[in-house]
Each structure stands twice: as structure tokens, then as C-alpha cells.
Amino acid sequence: MNTLKPRQLLSTKINEGVKAAIAAAIEKHRKLGESIAIWQDGKVVILTADRIPPISAEK
């Protein structure tokens, strides 16, 4: 019996959805000229819109 497979598939779909939503939010901030905060080298860093790299199509 393989009872874990449906859960693994669901978690994969959830992870993909979360990643897509984050990418869309970052791209929206970039296009609207809004800054974002990121964690870098143990510190919070504010990136202005012109420093946010465009999201490239991965597929």
C-alpha cells in the first residue's frame, strides 16, 4: 500500500502554487515601482524596484 503518494502530490502542488504567488507578487512590486524587503547575509535589506531582478520564465 502506498498511502503517502497523494499527500506528497498535494504538497508538491501547494509548494508550486506558493512559489508562483510569491513570484507574481515580486513582479507586481517591480512593475509598480514598489520596494521589497529581503533577508540577505543575516540582515533585512530593502530593495528598490529598480534593483529587483525581473522574473524569468523557467519553463
N, C-alpha and C. Protein backbone atom coordinates (compact mmCIF):
# COMPACT_ATOMS: atom_id res chain seq x y z
N MET A 1 0.82 -1.19 0.00
CA MET A 1 0.00 0.00 0.00
C MET A 1 0.87 1.26 0.00
N ASN A 2 0.47 2.20 -0.80
CA ASN A 2 1.20 3.45 -0.87
C ASN A 2 0.26 4.59 -0.47
N THR A 3 0.19 4.85 0.82
CA THR A 3 -0.75 5.85 1.32
C THR A 3 -0.16 7.26 1.33
N LEU A 4 1.15 7.41 1.16
CA LEU A 4 1.76 8.73 1.22
C LEU A 4 1.76 9.47 -0.13
N LYS A 5 1.59 8.76 -1.21
CA LYS A 5 1.69 9.39 -2.51
C LYS A 5 0.71 10.54 -2.72
N PRO A 6 -0.59 10.42 -2.41
CA PRO A 6 -1.49 11.56 -2.59
C PRO A 6 -1.06 12.78 -1.78
N ARG A 7 -0.58 12.58 -0.57
CA ARG A 7 -0.13 13.69 0.27
C ARG A 7 1.09 14.35 -0.36
N GLN A 8 2.02 13.55 -0.87
CA GLN A 8 3.20 14.12 -1.50
C GLN A 8 2.80 14.92 -2.73
N LEU A 9 1.87 14.43 -3.50
CA LEU A 9 1.44 15.16 -4.68
C LEU A 9 0.76 16.47 -4.29
N LEU A 10 -0.06 16.45 -3.26
CA LEU A 10 -0.72 17.66 -2.80
C LEU A 10 0.30 18.67 -2.30
N SER A 11 1.28 18.22 -1.53
CA SER A 11 2.29 19.15 -1.02
C SER A 11 3.12 19.74 -2.15
N THR A 12 3.37 18.96 -3.17
CA THR A 12 4.10 19.48 -4.34
C THR A 12 3.29 20.56 -5.03
N LYS A 13 2.00 20.32 -5.20
CA LYS A 13 1.14 21.32 -5.83
C LYS A 13 1.07 22.59 -4.99
N ILE A 14 0.99 22.44 -3.69
CA ILE A 14 0.94 23.59 -2.79
C ILE A 14 2.23 24.39 -2.90
N ASN A 15 3.36 23.71 -2.86
CA ASN A 15 4.66 24.39 -2.97
C ASN A 15 4.77 25.15 -4.29
N GLU A 16 4.35 24.54 -5.37
CA GLU A 16 4.40 25.19 -6.68
C GLU A 16 3.50 26.43 -6.70
N GLY A 17 2.33 26.32 -6.09
CA GLY A 17 1.41 27.45 -6.03
C GLY A 17 1.95 28.60 -5.21
N VAL A 18 2.57 28.28 -4.08
CA VAL A 18 3.16 29.31 -3.23
C VAL A 18 4.30 30.02 -3.96
N LYS A 19 5.15 29.25 -4.62
CA LYS A 19 6.27 29.85 -5.37
C LYS A 19 5.76 30.76 -6.49
N ALA A 20 4.72 30.33 -7.19
CA ALA A 20 4.14 31.14 -8.27
C ALA A 20 3.54 32.43 -7.70
N ALA A 21 2.86 32.34 -6.57
CA ALA A 21 2.26 33.52 -5.95
C ALA A 21 3.33 34.51 -5.49
N ILE A 22 4.40 34.02 -4.92
CA ILE A 22 5.50 34.89 -4.49
C ILE A 22 6.14 35.57 -5.69
N ALA A 23 6.39 34.80 -6.75
CA ALA A 23 6.98 35.38 -7.95
C ALA A 23 6.09 36.46 -8.54
N ALA A 24 4.78 36.22 -8.55
CA ALA A 24 3.84 37.21 -9.09
C ALA A 24 3.83 38.47 -8.23
N ALA A 25 3.88 38.32 -6.92
CA ALA A 25 3.88 39.47 -6.02
C ALA A 25 5.16 40.30 -6.19
N ILE A 26 6.28 39.63 -6.31
CA ILE A 26 7.55 40.34 -6.51
C ILE A 26 7.53 41.08 -7.84
N GLU A 27 7.05 40.43 -8.88
CA GLU A 27 6.98 41.07 -10.20
C GLU A 27 6.04 42.27 -10.16
N LYS A 28 4.93 42.16 -9.45
CA LYS A 28 3.99 43.27 -9.34
C LYS A 28 4.66 44.46 -8.64
N HIS A 29 5.40 44.20 -7.57
CA HIS A 29 6.12 45.27 -6.88
C HIS A 29 7.12 45.93 -7.84
N ARG A 30 7.84 45.12 -8.60
CA ARG A 30 8.83 45.66 -9.53
C ARG A 30 8.16 46.57 -10.55
N LYS A 31 7.07 46.10 -11.14
CA LYS A 31 6.38 46.86 -12.18
C LYS A 31 5.73 48.14 -11.64
N LEU A 32 5.26 48.11 -10.39
CA LEU A 32 4.61 49.28 -9.80
C LEU A 32 5.60 50.25 -9.16
N GLY A 33 6.88 49.87 -9.16
CA GLY A 33 7.89 50.74 -8.58
C GLY A 33 7.95 50.71 -7.07
N GLU A 34 7.47 49.63 -6.47
CA GLU A 34 7.45 49.48 -5.02
C GLU A 34 8.64 48.67 -4.53
N SER A 35 9.16 49.02 -3.38
CA SER A 35 10.29 48.30 -2.79
C SER A 35 9.83 46.99 -2.15
N ILE A 36 10.77 46.09 -1.94
CA ILE A 36 10.51 44.85 -1.19
C ILE A 36 11.62 44.67 -0.16
N ALA A 37 11.32 43.93 0.88
CA ALA A 37 12.31 43.61 1.90
C ALA A 37 12.71 42.15 1.72
N ILE A 38 14.02 41.89 1.77
CA ILE A 38 14.54 40.52 1.67
C ILE A 38 15.51 40.28 2.82
N TRP A 39 15.80 39.02 3.06
CA TRP A 39 16.78 38.62 4.06
C TRP A 39 18.07 38.30 3.32
N GLN A 40 19.16 38.99 3.65
CA GLN A 40 20.43 38.77 2.95
C GLN A 40 21.58 38.89 3.95
N ASP A 41 22.39 37.87 4.02
CA ASP A 41 23.56 37.86 4.90
C ASP A 41 23.21 38.17 6.35
N GLY A 42 22.09 37.62 6.81
CA GLY A 42 21.69 37.79 8.20
C GLY A 42 21.05 39.12 8.53
N LYS A 43 20.72 39.91 7.49
CA LYS A 43 20.12 41.23 7.71
C LYS A 43 18.94 41.42 6.78
N VAL A 44 18.03 42.30 7.20
CA VAL A 44 16.93 42.70 6.34
C VAL A 44 17.47 43.79 5.41
N VAL A 45 17.24 43.59 4.11
CA VAL A 45 17.70 44.55 3.10
C VAL A 45 16.48 45.00 2.30
N ILE A 46 16.37 46.29 2.09
CA ILE A 46 15.28 46.84 1.28
C ILE A 46 15.79 47.01 -0.14
N LEU A 47 15.10 46.37 -1.09
CA LEU A 47 15.44 46.52 -2.50
C LEU A 47 14.45 47.49 -3.14
N THR A 48 14.98 48.53 -3.75
CA THR A 48 14.11 49.41 -4.51
C THR A 48 13.69 48.69 -5.78
N ALA A 49 12.63 49.15 -6.39
CA ALA A 49 12.08 48.46 -7.56
C ALA A 49 13.10 48.31 -8.68
N ASP A 50 13.96 49.29 -8.86
CA ASP A 50 14.95 49.19 -9.94
C ASP A 50 16.04 48.16 -9.66
N ARG A 51 16.13 47.67 -8.42
CA ARG A 51 17.12 46.63 -8.08
C ARG A 51 16.50 45.24 -8.01
N ILE A 52 15.19 45.13 -8.19
CA ILE A 52 14.53 43.83 -8.19
C ILE A 52 14.71 43.21 -9.58
N PRO A 53 15.37 42.05 -9.65
CA PRO A 53 15.57 41.44 -10.97
C PRO A 53 14.25 40.91 -11.54
N PRO A 54 14.06 41.05 -12.85
CA PRO A 54 12.83 40.51 -13.46
C PRO A 54 12.78 39.00 -13.30
N ILE A 55 11.58 38.48 -13.12
CA ILE A 55 11.38 37.04 -13.03
C ILE A 55 11.47 36.46 -14.44
N SER A 56 12.38 35.53 -14.63
CA SER A 56 12.50 34.91 -15.95
C SER A 56 11.60 33.70 -16.04
N ALA A 57 11.11 33.41 -17.22
CA ALA A 57 10.27 32.22 -17.42
C ALA A 57 11.15 30.99 -17.32
N GLU A 58 10.79 30.09 -16.39
CA GLU A 58 11.61 28.90 -16.16
C GLU A 58 11.20 27.73 -17.02
N LYS A 59 9.99 27.74 -17.56
CA LYS A 59 9.52 26.57 -18.32
C LYS A 59 9.28 26.93 -19.74
